[in-house]
Amino acid sequence: MKLPRNFGGQGFGAALEQAKAAMARAQDLEEELERERIKIDRGPVKALFDGTGQLLKIELDKTVVDPEDIETLEDLIVSTVKAGFSSAIELRNARVQSIVPNIPGLDI
C-alpha cells in the first residue's frame, strides 16, 4: 500500500498536531453552537433557534390565527421549524468543516 505524500516523518507529526488542535476546538463547538441564534421569519410566523437546532421562541401574528383555517397556521409553523432546524444543521456542518484538519489521504 502506498502512503499519501508527506504522510511519514514530519508530515505525520504535523498531521498529528493538526488533529490534536481540531479535537480541542471540537470540545468547545457544542457550547459555541448553543450561544448562536438563528432567526427565521416566515411572515406571520417567526422563530428563534440556537445553533444546535433547539427552538427557543416562536411568535405568531394574530392575523394568521383563524379558527376556520387552522391548517394554514399549522403549515406555517411546520415550515418555520423545518427552516430553523435546517439552518442549524448547515451551521454545525460549516463549523465542523472549519475545524477538521486537512490530513493528506483522509477524506472527510
PDB file of N, CA and C in Angstrom:
ATOM      1  N   MET A   1       0.841  -1.178   0.000  1.00  0.00           N
ATOM      2  CA  MET A   1       0.000   0.000   0.000  1.00  0.00           C
ATOM      3  C   MET A   1       0.888   1.243   0.000  1.00  0.00           C
ATOM      4  N   LYS A   2       0.587   2.157  -0.862  1.00  0.00           N
ATOM      5  CA  LYS A   2       1.352   3.394  -0.951  1.00  0.00           C
ATOM      6  C   LYS A   2       0.709   4.450  -0.056  1.00  0.00           C
ATOM      7  N   LEU A   3       1.517   5.053   0.827  1.00  0.00           N
ATOM      8  CA  LEU A   3       1.029   6.093   1.730  1.00  0.00           C
ATOM      9  C   LEU A   3       0.922   7.425   0.997  1.00  0.00           C
ATOM     10  N   PRO A   4       0.016   8.282   1.421  1.00  0.00           N
ATOM     11  CA  PRO A   4      -0.108   9.594   0.792  1.00  0.00           C
ATOM     12  C   PRO A   4       1.191  10.399   0.949  1.00  0.00           C
ATOM     13  N   ARG A   5       1.398  11.296   0.025  1.00  0.00           N
ATOM     14  CA  ARG A   5       2.571  12.167   0.048  1.00  0.00           C
ATOM     15  C   ARG A   5       2.629  12.936   1.371  1.00  0.00           C
ATOM     16  N   ASN A   6       3.804  13.111   1.902  1.00  0.00           N
ATOM     17  CA  ASN A   6       4.068  13.815   3.168  1.00  0.00           C
ATOM     18  C   ASN A   6       3.433  13.133   4.382  1.00  0.00           C
ATOM     19  N   PHE A   7       3.094  11.835   4.278  1.00  0.00           N
ATOM     20  CA  PHE A   7       2.467  11.157   5.403  1.00  0.00           C
ATOM     21  C   PHE A   7       3.486  10.753   6.451  1.00  0.00           C
ATOM     22  N   GLY A   8       4.658  10.347   6.064  1.00  0.00           N
ATOM     23  CA  GLY A   8       5.673   9.913   7.018  1.00  0.00           C
ATOM     24  C   GLY A   8       6.508  11.077   7.525  1.00  0.00           C
ATOM     25  N   GLY A   9       7.359  10.808   8.499  1.00  0.00           N
ATOM     26  CA  GLY A   9       8.298  11.818   9.011  1.00  0.00           C
ATOM     27  C   GLY A   9       7.586  13.012   9.597  1.00  0.00           C
ATOM     28  N   GLN A  10       8.049  14.202   9.224  1.00  0.00           N
ATOM     29  CA  GLN A  10       7.469  15.435   9.766  1.00  0.00           C
ATOM     30  C   GLN A  10       6.038  15.643   9.300  1.00  0.00           C
ATOM     31  N   GLY A  11       5.687  15.092   8.144  1.00  0.00           N
ATOM     32  CA  GLY A  11       4.313  15.218   7.652  1.00  0.00           C
ATOM     33  C   GLY A  11       3.336  14.575   8.615  1.00  0.00           C
ATOM     34  N   PHE A  12       3.707  13.421   9.162  1.00  0.00           N
ATOM     35  CA  PHE A  12       2.841  12.738  10.115  1.00  0.00           C
ATOM     36  C   PHE A  12       2.744  13.522  11.420  1.00  0.00           C
ATOM     37  N   GLY A  13       3.856  14.054  11.889  1.00  0.00           N
ATOM     38  CA  GLY A  13       3.863  14.852  13.119  1.00  0.00           C
ATOM     39  C   GLY A  13       2.988  16.084  12.990  1.00  0.00           C
ATOM     40  N   ALA A  14       3.069  16.735  11.843  1.00  0.00           N
ATOM     41  CA  ALA A  14       2.247  17.927  11.612  1.00  0.00           C
ATOM     42  C   ALA A  14       0.769  17.552  11.572  1.00  0.00           C
ATOM     43  N   ALA A  15       0.465  16.419  10.944  1.00  0.00           N
ATOM     44  CA  ALA A  15      -0.916  15.966  10.870  1.00  0.00           C
ATOM     45  C   ALA A  15      -1.440  15.632  12.260  1.00  0.00           C
ATOM     46  N   LEU A  16      -0.592  15.034  13.081  1.00  0.00           N
ATOM     47  CA  LEU A  16      -0.986  14.698  14.445  1.00  0.00           C
ATOM     48  C   LEU A  16      -1.271  15.963  15.258  1.00  0.00           C
ATOM     49  N   GLU A  17      -0.443  16.976  15.093  1.00  0.00           N
ATOM     50  CA  GLU A  17      -0.668  18.247  15.788  1.00  0.00           C
ATOM     51  C   GLU A  17      -1.963  18.905  15.321  1.00  0.00           C
ATOM     52  N   GLN A  18      -2.230  18.824  14.012  1.00  0.00           N
ATOM     53  CA  GLN A  18      -3.477  19.370  13.486  1.00  0.00           C
ATOM     54  C   GLN A  18      -4.671  18.647  14.102  1.00  0.00           C
ATOM     55  N   ALA A  19      -4.564  17.346  14.218  1.00  0.00           N
ATOM     56  CA  ALA A  19      -5.653  16.550  14.785  1.00  0.00           C
ATOM     57  C   ALA A  19      -5.878  16.909  16.256  1.00  0.00           C
ATOM     58  N   LYS A  20      -4.814  17.098  17.004  1.00  0.00           N
ATOM     59  CA  LYS A  20      -4.941  17.485  18.410  1.00  0.00           C
ATOM     60  C   LYS A  20      -5.619  18.849  18.547  1.00  0.00           C
ATOM     61  N   ALA A  21      -5.211  19.789  17.703  1.00  0.00           N
ATOM     62  CA  ALA A  21      -5.815  21.120  17.745  1.00  0.00           C
ATOM     63  C   ALA A  21      -7.292  21.054  17.370  1.00  0.00           C
ATOM     64  N   ALA A  22      -7.634  20.213  16.399  1.00  0.00           N
ATOM     65  CA  ALA A  22      -9.031  20.060  15.993  1.00  0.00           C
ATOM     66  C   ALA A  22      -9.860  19.461  17.119  1.00  0.00           C
ATOM     67  N   MET A  23      -9.312  18.505  17.845  1.00  0.00           N
ATOM     68  CA  MET A  23     -10.031  17.894  18.957  1.00  0.00           C
ATOM     69  C   MET A  23     -10.304  18.920  20.059  1.00  0.00           C
ATOM     70  N   ALA A  24      -9.334  19.751  20.343  1.00  0.00           N
ATOM     71  CA  ALA A  24      -9.512  20.790  21.359  1.00  0.00           C
ATOM     72  C   ALA A  24     -10.614  21.759  20.927  1.00  0.00           C
ATOM     73  N   ARG A  25     -10.619  22.132  19.669  1.00  0.00           N
ATOM     74  CA  ARG A  25     -11.628  23.062  19.134  1.00  0.00           C
ATOM     75  C   ARG A  25     -13.017  22.411  19.126  1.00  0.00           C
ATOM     76  N   ALA A  26     -13.073  21.129  18.816  1.00  0.00           N
ATOM     77  CA  ALA A  26     -14.353  20.420  18.748  1.00  0.00           C
ATOM     78  C   ALA A  26     -15.016  20.333  20.119  1.00  0.00           C
ATOM     79  N   GLN A  27     -14.222  20.283  21.164  1.00  0.00           N
ATOM     80  CA  GLN A  27     -14.784  20.202  22.510  1.00  0.00           C
ATOM     81  C   GLN A  27     -15.597  21.448  22.856  1.00  0.00           C
ATOM     82  N   ASP A  28     -15.243  22.568  22.287  1.00  0.00           N
ATOM     83  CA  ASP A  28     -15.953  23.818  22.553  1.00  0.00           C
ATOM     84  C   ASP A  28     -17.106  24.070  21.584  1.00  0.00           C
ATOM     85  N   LEU A  29     -17.212  23.257  20.541  1.00  0.00           N
ATOM     86  CA  LEU A  29     -18.181  23.504  19.482  1.00  0.00           C
ATOM     87  C   LEU A  29     -19.622  23.494  19.990  1.00  0.00           C
ATOM     88  N   GLU A  30     -19.990  22.533  20.806  1.00  0.00           N
ATOM     89  CA  GLU A  30     -21.375  22.434  21.280  1.00  0.00           C
ATOM     90  C   GLU A  30     -21.785  23.678  22.067  1.00  0.00           C
ATOM     91  N   GLU A  31     -20.923  24.143  22.956  1.00  0.00           N
ATOM     92  CA  GLU A  31     -21.235  25.353  23.722  1.00  0.00           C
ATOM     93  C   GLU A  31     -21.333  26.570  22.813  1.00  0.00           C
ATOM     94  N   GLU A  32     -20.465  26.633  21.824  1.00  0.00           N
ATOM     95  CA  GLU A  32     -20.496  27.739  20.867  1.00  0.00           C
ATOM     96  C   GLU A  32     -21.817  27.733  20.088  1.00  0.00           C
ATOM     97  N   LEU A  33     -22.248  26.553  19.656  1.00  0.00           N
ATOM     98  CA  LEU A  33     -23.498  26.448  18.907  1.00  0.00           C
ATOM     99  C   LEU A  33     -24.707  26.799  19.782  1.00  0.00           C
ATOM    100  N   GLU A  34     -24.657  26.464  21.047  1.00  0.00           N
ATOM    101  CA  GLU A  34     -25.753  26.803  21.959  1.00  0.00           C
ATOM    102  C   GLU A  34     -25.896  28.318  22.120  1.00  0.00           C
ATOM    103  N   ARG A  35     -24.807  29.052  21.962  1.00  0.00           N
ATOM    104  CA  ARG A  35     -24.852  30.516  22.084  1.00  0.00           C
ATOM    105  C   ARG A  35     -25.298  31.201  20.790  1.00  0.00           C
ATOM    106  N   GLU A  36     -25.214  30.501  19.668  1.00  0.00           N
ATOM    107  CA  GLU A  36     -25.632  31.074  18.387  1.00  0.00           C
ATOM    108  C   GLU A  36     -27.138  31.265  18.352  1.00  0.00           C
ATOM    109  N   ARG A  37     -27.599  32.250  17.635  1.00  0.00           N
ATOM    110  CA  ARG A  37     -29.023  32.485  17.468  1.00  0.00           C
ATOM    111  C   ARG A  37     -29.347  32.551  15.981  1.00  0.00           C
ATOM    112  N   ILE A  38     -30.369  31.810  15.583  1.00  0.00           N
ATOM    113  CA  ILE A  38     -30.812  31.756  14.193  1.00  0.00           C
ATOM    114  C   ILE A  38     -32.251  32.253  14.155  1.00  0.00           C
ATOM    115  N   LYS A  39     -32.483  33.339  13.427  1.00  0.00           N
ATOM    116  CA  LYS A  39     -33.828  33.903  13.304  1.00  0.00           C
ATOM    117  C   LYS A  39     -34.450  33.435  11.989  1.00  0.00           C
ATOM    118  N   ILE A  40     -35.662  32.940  12.084  1.00  0.00           N
ATOM    119  CA  ILE A  40     -36.414  32.506  10.908  1.00  0.00           C
ATOM    120  C   ILE A  40     -37.669  33.365  10.843  1.00  0.00           C
ATOM    121  N   ASP A  41     -37.892  33.978   9.683  1.00  0.00           N
ATOM    122  CA  ASP A  41     -39.046  34.859   9.500  1.00  0.00           C
ATOM    123  C   ASP A  41     -39.850  34.363   8.306  1.00  0.00           C
ATOM    124  N   ARG A  42     -41.003  33.793   8.594  1.00  0.00           N
ATOM    125  CA  ARG A  42     -41.906  33.312   7.541  1.00  0.00           C
ATOM    126  C   ARG A  42     -43.144  34.206   7.487  1.00  0.00           C
ATOM    127  N   GLY A  43     -42.917  35.508   7.614  1.00  0.00           N
ATOM    128  CA  GLY A  43     -44.033  36.447   7.591  1.00  0.00           C
ATOM    129  C   GLY A  43     -44.771  36.443   8.918  1.00  0.00           C
ATOM    130  N   PRO A  44     -45.962  35.845   8.937  1.00  0.00           N
ATOM    131  CA  PRO A  44     -46.739  35.861  10.181  1.00  0.00           C
ATOM    132  C   PRO A  44     -46.213  34.918  11.257  1.00  0.00           C
ATOM    133  N   VAL A  45     -45.267  34.050  10.906  1.00  0.00           N
ATOM    134  CA  VAL A  45     -44.674  33.138  11.886  1.00  0.00           C
ATOM    135  C   VAL A  45     -43.175  33.399  11.937  1.00  0.00           C
ATOM    136  N   LYS A  46     -42.693  33.706  13.128  1.00  0.00           N
ATOM    137  CA  LYS A  46     -41.264  33.958  13.334  1.00  0.00           C
ATOM    138  C   LYS A  46     -40.780  33.024  14.437  1.00  0.00           C
ATOM    139  N   ALA A  47     -39.528  32.594  14.314  1.00  0.00           N
ATOM    140  CA  ALA A  47     -38.988  31.679  15.327  1.00  0.00           C
ATOM    141  C   ALA A  47     -37.533  32.008  15.591  1.00  0.00           C
ATOM    142  N   LEU A  48     -37.081  31.611  16.762  1.00  0.00           N
ATOM    143  CA  LEU A  48     -35.687  31.787  17.157  1.00  0.00           C
ATOM    144  C   LEU A  48     -35.162  30.420  17.596  1.00  0.00           C
ATOM    145  N   PHE A  49     -34.034  30.030  17.008  1.00  0.00           N
ATOM    146  CA  PHE A  49     -33.386  28.760  17.307  1.00  0.00           C
ATOM    147  C   PHE A  49     -31.980  29.021  17.801  1.00  0.00           C
ATOM    148  N   ASP A  50     -31.425  28.065  18.539  1.00  0.00           N
ATOM    149  CA  ASP A  50     -29.992  28.149  18.806  1.00  0.00           C
ATOM    150  C   ASP A  50     -29.286  27.314  17.739  1.00  0.00           C
ATOM    151  N   GLY A  51     -27.970  27.344  17.748  1.00  0.00           N
ATOM    152  CA  GLY A  51     -27.185  26.672  16.719  1.00  0.00           C
ATOM    153  C   GLY A  51     -27.239  25.161  16.768  1.00  0.00           C
ATOM    154  N   THR A  52     -27.804  24.598  17.839  1.00  0.00           N
ATOM    155  CA  THR A  52     -27.953  23.141  17.919  1.00  0.00           C
ATOM    156  C   THR A  52     -29.289  22.684  17.347  1.00  0.00           C
ATOM    157  N   GLY A  53     -30.151  23.642  16.988  1.00  0.00           N
ATOM    158  CA  GLY A  53     -31.446  23.311  16.414  1.00  0.00           C
ATOM    159  C   GLY A  53     -32.581  23.344  17.412  1.00  0.00           C
ATOM    160  N   GLN A  54     -32.306  23.793  18.633  1.00  0.00           N
ATOM    161  CA  GLN A  54     -33.358  23.890  19.637  1.00  0.00           C
ATOM    162  C   GLN A  54     -34.220  25.119  19.369  1.00  0.00           C
ATOM    163  N   LEU A  55     -35.531  24.913  19.363  1.00  0.00           N
ATOM    164  CA  LEU A  55     -36.475  26.009  19.209  1.00  0.00           C
ATOM    165  C   LEU A  55     -36.550  26.770  20.526  1.00  0.00           C
ATOM    166  N   LEU A  56     -36.206  28.060  20.489  1.00  0.00           N
ATOM    167  CA  LEU A  56     -36.189  28.876  21.697  1.00  0.00           C
ATOM    168  C   LEU A  56     -37.442  29.731  21.850  1.00  0.00           C
ATOM    169  N   LYS A  57     -37.992  30.170  20.710  1.00  0.00           N
ATOM    170  CA  LYS A  57     -39.138  31.076  20.767  1.00  0.00           C
ATOM    171  C   LYS A  57     -39.885  31.001  19.443  1.00  0.00           C
ATOM    172  N   ILE A  58     -41.188  31.151  19.526  1.00  0.00           N
ATOM    173  CA  ILE A  58     -41.996  31.244  18.313  1.00  0.00           C
ATOM    174  C   ILE A  58     -43.013  32.365  18.510  1.00  0.00           C
ATOM    175  N   GLU A  59     -43.194  33.176  17.474  1.00  0.00           N
ATOM    176  CA  GLU A  59     -44.138  34.289  17.519  1.00  0.00           C
ATOM    177  C   GLU A  59     -45.139  34.130  16.385  1.00  0.00           C
ATOM    178  N   LEU A  60     -46.407  34.330  16.701  1.00  0.00           N
ATOM    179  CA  LEU A  60     -47.473  34.244  15.703  1.00  0.00           C
ATOM    180  C   LEU A  60     -48.160  35.591  15.578  1.00  0.00           C
ATOM    181  N   ASP A  61     -48.320  36.045  14.358  1.00  0.00           N
ATOM    182  CA  ASP A  61     -49.098  37.257  14.108  1.00  0.00           C
ATOM    183  C   ASP A  61     -50.570  36.892  14.320  1.00  0.00           C
ATOM    184  N   LYS A  62     -51.279  37.699  15.059  1.00  0.00           N
ATOM    185  CA  LYS A  62     -52.679  37.400  15.388  1.00  0.00           C
ATOM    186  C   LYS A  62     -53.559  37.270  14.149  1.00  0.00           C
ATOM    187  N   THR A  63     -53.171  37.932  13.065  1.00  0.00           N
ATOM    188  CA  THR A  63     -53.991  37.869  11.855  1.00  0.00           C
ATOM    189  C   THR A  63     -53.985  36.492  11.208  1.00  0.00           C
ATOM    190  N   VAL A  64     -53.011  35.671  11.530  1.00  0.00           N
ATOM    191  CA  VAL A  64     -52.927  34.346  10.921  1.00  0.00           C
ATOM    192  C   VAL A  64     -53.696  33.295  11.730  1.00  0.00           C
ATOM    193  N   VAL A  65     -54.160  33.682  12.899  1.00  0.00           N
ATOM    194  CA  VAL A  65     -54.916  32.751  13.741  1.00  0.00           C
ATOM    195  C   VAL A  65     -56.396  32.837  13.348  1.00  0.00           C
ATOM    196  N   ASP A  66     -56.822  31.877  12.554  1.00  0.00           N
ATOM    197  CA  ASP A  66     -58.193  31.814  12.064  1.00  0.00           C
ATOM    198  C   ASP A  66     -58.764  30.445  12.424  1.00  0.00           C
ATOM    199  N   PRO A  67     -59.708  30.391  13.342  1.00  0.00           N
ATOM    200  CA  PRO A  67     -60.270  29.097  13.749  1.00  0.00           C
ATOM    201  C   PRO A  67     -60.873  28.308  12.582  1.00  0.00           C
ATOM    202  N   GLU A  68     -61.221  28.997  11.523  1.00  0.00           N
ATOM    203  CA  GLU A  68     -61.800  28.324  10.353  1.00  0.00           C
ATOM    204  C   GLU A  68     -60.727  27.772   9.412  1.00  0.00           C
ATOM    205  N   ASP A  69     -59.478  28.169   9.615  1.00  0.00           N
ATOM    206  CA  ASP A  69     -58.390  27.728   8.726  1.00  0.00           C
ATOM    207  C   ASP A  69     -57.141  27.417   9.546  1.00  0.00           C
ATOM    208  N   ILE A  70     -57.243  26.486  10.434  1.00  0.00           N
ATOM    209  CA  ILE A  70     -56.129  26.124  11.307  1.00  0.00           C
ATOM    210  C   ILE A  70     -55.010  25.430  10.521  1.00  0.00           C
ATOM    211  N   GLU A  71     -55.340  24.793   9.404  1.00  0.00           N
ATOM    212  CA  GLU A  71     -54.338  24.079   8.605  1.00  0.00           C
ATOM    213  C   GLU A  71     -53.260  25.015   8.070  1.00  0.00           C
ATOM    214  N   THR A  72     -53.639  26.206   7.678  1.00  0.00           N
ATOM    215  CA  THR A  72     -52.656  27.169   7.179  1.00  0.00           C
ATOM    216  C   THR A  72     -51.663  27.543   8.273  1.00  0.00           C
ATOM    217  N   LEU A  73     -52.156  27.779   9.450  1.00  0.00           N
ATOM    218  CA  LEU A  73     -51.278  28.096  10.574  1.00  0.00           C
ATOM    219  C   LEU A  73     -50.354  26.926  10.878  1.00  0.00           C
ATOM    220  N   GLU A  74     -50.890  25.730  10.874  1.00  0.00           N
ATOM    221  CA  GLU A  74     -50.068  24.536  11.121  1.00  0.00           C
ATOM    222  C   GLU A  74     -48.964  24.402  10.077  1.00  0.00           C
ATOM    223  N   ASP A  75     -49.311  24.625   8.807  1.00  0.00           N
ATOM    224  CA  ASP A  75     -48.309  24.537   7.732  1.00  0.00           C
ATOM    225  C   ASP A  75     -47.220  25.589   7.898  1.00  0.00           C
ATOM    226  N   LEU A  76     -47.611  26.805   8.293  1.00  0.00           N
ATOM    227  CA  LEU A  76     -46.631  27.871   8.508  1.00  0.00           C
ATOM    228  C   LEU A  76     -45.681  27.530   9.656  1.00  0.00           C
ATOM    229  N   ILE A  77     -46.233  26.973  10.715  1.00  0.00           N
ATOM    230  CA  ILE A  77     -45.391  26.600  11.857  1.00  0.00           C
ATOM    231  C   ILE A  77     -44.426  25.487  11.470  1.00  0.00           C
ATOM    232  N   VAL A  78     -44.913  24.470  10.778  1.00  0.00           N
ATOM    233  CA  VAL A  78     -44.050  23.359  10.363  1.00  0.00           C
ATOM    234  C   VAL A  78     -42.936  23.853   9.441  1.00  0.00           C
ATOM    235  N   SER A  79     -43.257  24.705   8.471  1.00  0.00           N
ATOM    236  CA  SER A  79     -42.217  25.183   7.551  1.00  0.00           C
ATOM    237  C   SER A  79     -41.192  26.052   8.280  1.00  0.00           C
ATOM    238  N   THR A  80     -41.629  26.807   9.272  1.00  0.00           N
ATOM    239  CA  THR A  80     -40.712  27.639  10.053  1.00  0.00           C
ATOM    240  C   THR A  80     -39.766  26.774  10.871  1.00  0.00           C
ATOM    241  N   VAL A  81     -40.309  25.743  11.507  1.00  0.00           N
ATOM    242  CA  VAL A  81     -39.473  24.846  12.319  1.00  0.00           C
ATOM    243  C   VAL A  81     -38.494  24.083  11.432  1.00  0.00           C
ATOM    244  N   LYS A  82     -38.950  23.616  10.285  1.00  0.00           N
ATOM    245  CA  LYS A  82     -38.046  22.912   9.358  1.00  0.00           C
ATOM    246  C   LYS A  82     -36.911  23.828   8.909  1.00  0.00           C
ATOM    247  N   ALA A  83     -37.227  25.066   8.585  1.00  0.00           N
ATOM    248  CA  ALA A  83     -36.203  26.014   8.137  1.00  0.00           C
ATOM    249  C   ALA A  83     -35.192  26.288   9.238  1.00  0.00           C
ATOM    250  N   GLY A  84     -35.650  26.421  10.455  1.00  0.00           N
ATOM    251  CA  GLY A  84     -34.737  26.664  11.579  1.00  0.00           C
ATOM    252  C   GLY A  84     -33.819  25.486  11.827  1.00  0.00           C
ATOM    253  N   PHE A  85     -34.382  24.304  11.811  1.00  0.00           N
ATOM    254  CA  PHE A  85     -33.576  23.106  12.034  1.00  0.00           C
ATOM    255  C   PHE A  85     -32.575  22.912  10.898  1.00  0.00           C
ATOM    256  N   SER A  86     -33.001  23.144   9.671  1.00  0.00           N
ATOM    257  CA  SER A  86     -32.111  23.025   8.515  1.00  0.00           C
ATOM    258  C   SER A  86     -30.958  24.035   8.605  1.00  0.00           C
ATOM    259  N   SER A  87     -31.267  25.254   9.016  1.00  0.00           N
ATOM    260  CA  SER A  87     -30.227  26.277   9.167  1.00  0.00           C
ATOM    261  C   SER A  87     -29.232  25.886  10.252  1.00  0.00           C
ATOM    262  N   ALA A  88     -29.712  25.289  11.328  1.00  0.00           N
ATOM    263  CA  ALA A  88     -28.823  24.848  12.407  1.00  0.00           C
ATOM    264  C   ALA A  88     -27.900  23.728  11.926  1.00  0.00           C
ATOM    265  N   ILE A  89     -28.414  22.813  11.127  1.00  0.00           N
ATOM    266  CA  ILE A  89     -27.587  21.732  10.582  1.00  0.00           C
ATOM    267  C   ILE A  89     -26.508  22.295   9.672  1.00  0.00           C
ATOM    268  N   GLU A  90     -26.881  23.239   8.821  1.00  0.00           N
ATOM    269  CA  GLU A  90     -25.898  23.869   7.929  1.00  0.00           C
ATOM    270  C   GLU A  90     -24.814  24.586   8.727  1.00  0.00           C
ATOM    271  N   LEU A  91     -25.210  25.283   9.787  1.00  0.00           N
ATOM    272  CA  LEU A  91     -24.257  25.991  10.631  1.00  0.00           C
ATOM    273  C   LEU A  91     -23.290  25.011  11.285  1.00  0.00           C
ATOM    274  N   ARG A  92     -23.827  23.927  11.861  1.00  0.00           N
ATOM    275  CA  ARG A  92     -22.984  22.916  12.503  1.00  0.00           C
ATOM    276  C   ARG A  92     -22.006  22.311  11.486  1.00  0.00           C
ATOM    277  N   ASN A  93     -22.509  21.952  10.312  1.00  0.00           N
ATOM    278  CA  ASN A  93     -21.640  21.348   9.300  1.00  0.00           C
ATOM    279  C   ASN A  93     -20.520  22.294   8.881  1.00  0.00           C
ATOM    280  N   ALA A  94     -20.845  23.566   8.731  1.00  0.00           N
ATOM    281  CA  ALA A  94     -19.817  24.545   8.360  1.00  0.00           C
ATOM    282  C   ALA A  94     -18.769  24.678   9.460  1.00  0.00           C
ATOM    283  N   ARG A  95     -19.213  24.693  10.716  1.00  0.00           N
ATOM    284  CA  ARG A  95     -18.265  24.809  11.835  1.00  0.00           C
ATOM    285  C   ARG A  95     -17.384  23.564  11.943  1.00  0.00           C
ATOM    286  N   VAL A  96     -17.986  22.398  11.750  1.00  0.00           N
ATOM    287  CA  VAL A  96     -17.204  21.154  11.808  1.00  0.00           C
ATOM    288  C   VAL A  96     -16.169  21.145  10.686  1.00  0.00           C
ATOM    289  N   GLN A  97     -16.560  21.528   9.481  1.00  0.00           N
ATOM    290  CA  GLN A  97     -15.616  21.560   8.368  1.00  0.00           C
ATOM    291  C   GLN A  97     -14.468  22.535   8.617  1.00  0.00           C
ATOM    292  N   SER A  98     -14.749  23.612   9.347  1.00  0.00           N
ATOM    293  CA  SER A  98     -13.698  24.592   9.602  1.00  0.00           C
ATOM    294  C   SER A  98     -12.679  24.103  10.625  1.00  0.00           C
ATOM    295  N   ILE A  99     -13.033  23.095  11.431  1.00  0.00           N
ATOM    296  CA  ILE A  99     -12.080  22.622  12.436  1.00  0.00           C
ATOM    297  C   ILE A  99     -11.460  21.279  12.093  1.00  0.00           C
ATOM    298  N   VAL A 100     -12.015  20.571  11.110  1.00  0.00           N
ATOM    299  CA  VAL A 100     -11.438  19.286  10.723  1.00  0.00           C
ATOM    300  C   VAL A 100     -10.122  19.556  10.007  1.00  0.00           C
ATOM    301  N   PRO A 101      -9.039  18.952  10.480  1.00  0.00           N
ATOM    302  CA  PRO A 101      -7.742  19.197   9.848  1.00  0.00           C
ATOM    303  C   PRO A 101      -7.676  18.610   8.451  1.00  0.00           C
ATOM    304  N   ASN A 102      -6.857  19.197   7.641  1.00  0.00           N
ATOM    305  CA  ASN A 102      -6.653  18.725   6.281  1.00  0.00           C
ATOM    306  C   ASN A 102      -5.517  17.697   6.311  1.00  0.00           C
ATOM    307  N   ILE A 103      -5.857  16.453   6.648  1.00  0.00           N
ATOM    308  CA  ILE A 103      -4.863  15.384   6.744  1.00  0.00           C
ATOM    309  C   ILE A 103      -4.767  14.694   5.397  1.00  0.00           C
ATOM    310  N   PRO A 104      -3.584  14.646   4.792  1.00  0.00           N
ATOM    311  CA  PRO A 104      -3.429  14.012   3.489  1.00  0.00           C
ATOM    312  C   PRO A 104      -3.937  12.562   3.537  1.00  0.00           C
ATOM    313  N   GLY A 105      -4.732  12.193   2.553  1.00  0.00           N
ATOM    314  CA  GLY A 105      -5.234  10.838   2.442  1.00  0.00           C
ATOM    315  C   GLY A 105      -6.489  10.584   3.255  1.00  0.00           C
ATOM    316  N   LEU A 106      -6.908  11.555   4.069  1.00  0.00           N
ATOM    317  CA  LEU A 106      -8.115  11.407   4.872  1.00  0.00           C
ATOM    318  C   LEU A 106      -9.203  12.249   4.260  1.00  0.00           C
ATOM    319  N   ASP A 107     -10.175  11.578   3.675  1.00  0.00           N
ATOM    320  CA  ASP A 107     -11.279  12.286   3.015  1.00  0.00           C
ATOM    321  C   ASP A 107     -12.488  12.318   3.925  1.00  0.00           C
ATOM    322  N   ILE A 108     -12.784  13.509   4.489  1.00  0.00           N
ATOM    323  CA  ILE A 108     -13.946  13.688   5.354  1.00  0.00           C
ATOM    324  C   ILE A 108     -14.902  14.638   4.685  1.00  0.00           C
TER     325      ILE A 108
END
